Amino acid sequence: MALKITDACVNCDVCEPVCPNRAISQGEEYYVIDPALCTECVGHFDEPQCIAVCPVECIVTDPGHIETPDQLVAKYRSLTARENAA
């Protein structure tokens, strides 16, 4: 599953720099996570780094983007292959 940031976000700026896939960016009102880039840190870390650093616990799984662990690994491989080719 991709993650999403709820409207409880206080724009503290700690999640964006820890995302290894650069899936987090500033939205119109608060930070947002691009589900096409979010692997829940699979392939990089044992736990999602944005959740680990969020002081207000506003990052949750996105029920609109359900993915299996195998799908997250495949997305990670695709993203890193694209990054290495650039």
C-alpha atoms as a PDB file:
ATOM      1  CA  MET A   1       0.000   0.000   0.000  1.00  0.00           C
ATOM      2  CA  ALA A   2       1.090   3.504  -0.576  1.00  0.00           C
ATOM      3  CA  LEU A   3       0.931   5.871   2.338  1.00  0.00           C
ATOM      4  CA  LYS A   4      -0.917   9.161   2.575  1.00  0.00           C
ATOM      5  CA  ILE A   5      -0.690  12.223   4.751  1.00  0.00           C
ATOM      6  CA  THR A   6      -3.890  13.339   6.433  1.00  0.00           C
ATOM      7  CA  ASP A   7      -5.070  16.880   7.003  1.00  0.00           C
ATOM      8  CA  ALA A   8      -3.659  16.655  10.545  1.00  0.00           C
ATOM      9  CA  CYS A   9      -0.268  17.493   8.980  1.00  0.00           C
ATOM     10  CA  VAL A  10       1.340  20.567  10.572  1.00  0.00           C
ATOM     11  CA  ASN A  11       3.844  21.126   7.724  1.00  0.00           C
ATOM     12  CA  CYS A  12       6.822  20.541  10.005  1.00  0.00           C
ATOM     13  CA  ASP A  13       9.026  19.572   7.023  1.00  0.00           C
ATOM     14  CA  VAL A  14      10.563  16.433   8.586  1.00  0.00           C
ATOM     15  CA  CYS A  15       9.030  13.796   6.304  1.00  0.00           C
ATOM     16  CA  GLU A  16      10.098  15.100   2.899  1.00  0.00           C
ATOM     17  CA  PRO A  17      13.885  14.795   3.326  1.00  0.00           C
ATOM     18  CA  VAL A  18      13.745  11.256   4.764  1.00  0.00           C
ATOM     19  CA  CYS A  19      11.798   9.766   1.841  1.00  0.00           C
ATOM     20  CA  PRO A  20      14.250   7.688  -0.224  1.00  0.00           C
ATOM     21  CA  ASN A  21      11.957   7.747  -3.276  1.00  0.00           C
ATOM     22  CA  ARG A  22      11.231  11.478  -3.215  1.00  0.00           C
ATOM     23  CA  ALA A  23       7.523  10.623  -3.048  1.00  0.00           C
ATOM     24  CA  ILE A  24       6.703  13.419  -0.592  1.00  0.00           C
ATOM     25  CA  SER A  25       6.186  17.003  -1.668  1.00  0.00           C
ATOM     26  CA  GLN A  26       4.459  20.120  -0.442  1.00  0.00           C
ATOM     27  CA  GLY A  27       0.816  20.154  -1.494  1.00  0.00           C
ATOM     28  CA  GLU A  28      -1.548  23.104  -1.537  1.00  0.00           C
ATOM     29  CA  GLU A  29      -2.377  22.848   2.174  1.00  0.00           C
ATOM     30  CA  TYR A  30      -0.029  20.197   3.556  1.00  0.00           C
ATOM     31  CA  TYR A  31       2.466  17.588   2.413  1.00  0.00           C
ATOM     32  CA  VAL A  32       1.317  14.864   0.029  1.00  0.00           C
ATOM     33  CA  ILE A  33       2.672  11.478  -1.004  1.00  0.00           C
ATOM     34  CA  ASP A  34       2.761  10.393  -4.654  1.00  0.00           C
ATOM     35  CA  PRO A  35       1.442   6.807  -4.617  1.00  0.00           C
ATOM     36  CA  ALA A  36       3.347   6.038  -7.830  1.00  0.00           C
ATOM     37  CA  LEU A  37       6.618   6.655  -5.971  1.00  0.00           C
ATOM     38  CA  CYS A  38       5.785   5.377  -2.472  1.00  0.00           C
ATOM     39  CA  THR A  39       7.093   1.914  -1.630  1.00  0.00           C
ATOM     40  CA  GLU A  40       6.628   2.329   2.144  1.00  0.00           C
ATOM     41  CA  CYS A  41      10.451   2.327   2.162  1.00  0.00           C
ATOM     42  CA  VAL A  42      10.517  -1.316   1.000  1.00  0.00           C
ATOM     43  CA  GLY A  43      13.995  -1.971  -0.365  1.00  0.00           C
ATOM     44  CA  HIS A  44      15.476   0.908   1.605  1.00  0.00           C
ATOM     45  CA  PHE A  45      14.474   0.501   5.263  1.00  0.00           C
ATOM     46  CA  ASP A  46      12.599  -1.891   7.550  1.00  0.00           C
ATOM     47  CA  GLU A  47       9.921   0.704   8.283  1.00  0.00           C
ATOM     48  CA  PRO A  48       8.512   3.765   6.526  1.00  0.00           C
ATOM     49  CA  GLN A  49      10.792   6.626   7.470  1.00  0.00           C
ATOM     50  CA  CYS A  50       8.117   9.291   7.162  1.00  0.00           C
ATOM     51  CA  ILE A  51       5.995   7.518   9.777  1.00  0.00           C
ATOM     52  CA  ALA A  52       9.020   7.118  12.041  1.00  0.00           C
ATOM     53  CA  VAL A  53       9.761  10.869  12.080  1.00  0.00           C
ATOM     54  CA  CYS A  54       6.236  12.315  11.977  1.00  0.00           C
ATOM     55  CA  PRO A  55       5.569  14.138  15.261  1.00  0.00           C
ATOM     56  CA  VAL A  56       1.776  14.235  14.822  1.00  0.00           C
ATOM     57  CA  GLU A  57       1.230  10.707  13.461  1.00  0.00           C
ATOM     58  CA  CYS A  58      -0.665  11.940  10.396  1.00  0.00           C
ATOM     59  CA  ILE A  59       0.728   9.385   7.914  1.00  0.00           C
ATOM     60  CA  VAL A  60      -1.463   6.360   7.315  1.00  0.00           C
ATOM     61  CA  THR A  61      -1.885   3.601   4.764  1.00  0.00           C
ATOM     62  CA  ASP A  62      -3.844   4.707   1.731  1.00  0.00           C
ATOM     63  CA  PRO A  63      -6.818   2.387   1.187  1.00  0.00           C
ATOM     64  CA  GLY A  64      -7.097   3.784  -2.338  1.00  0.00           C
ATOM     65  CA  HIS A  65      -3.717   2.308  -3.282  1.00  0.00           C
ATOM     66  CA  ILE A  66      -3.572  -1.254  -1.975  1.00  0.00           C
ATOM     67  CA  GLU A  67      -0.364  -3.114  -2.879  1.00  0.00           C
ATOM     68  CA  THR A  68       1.052  -6.444  -1.773  1.00  0.00           C
ATOM     69  CA  PRO A  69       4.593  -6.741  -0.431  1.00  0.00           C
ATOM     70  CA  ASP A  70       5.603  -8.280  -3.785  1.00  0.00           C
ATOM     71  CA  GLN A  71       4.133  -5.327  -5.666  1.00  0.00           C
ATOM     72  CA  LEU A  72       6.040  -2.907  -3.423  1.00  0.00           C
ATOM     73  CA  VAL A  73       9.289  -4.781  -4.129  1.00  0.00           C
ATOM     74  CA  ALA A  74       8.573  -4.667  -7.865  1.00  0.00           C
ATOM     75  CA  LYS A  75       7.897  -0.916  -7.656  1.00  0.00           C
ATOM     76  CA  TYR A  76      11.127  -0.411  -5.706  1.00  0.00           C
ATOM     77  CA  ARG A  77      13.089  -2.315  -8.367  1.00  0.00           C
ATOM     78  CA  SER A  78      11.475  -0.344 -11.162  1.00  0.00           C
ATOM     79  CA  LEU A  79      12.167   2.989  -9.477  1.00  0.00           C
ATOM     80  CA  THR A  80      15.792   2.168  -8.707  1.00  0.00           C
ATOM     81  CA  ALA A  81      16.387   0.810 -12.225  1.00  0.00           C
ATOM     82  CA  ARG A  82      15.015   4.045 -13.671  1.00  0.00           C
ATOM     83  CA  GLU A  83      17.172   6.079 -11.288  1.00  0.00           C
ATOM     84  CA  ASN A  84      20.312   4.092 -12.181  1.00  0.00           C
ATOM     85  CA  ALA A  85      19.631   4.499 -15.916  1.00  0.00           C
ATOM     86  CA  ALA A  86      19.441   8.283 -15.629  1.00  0.00           C
END
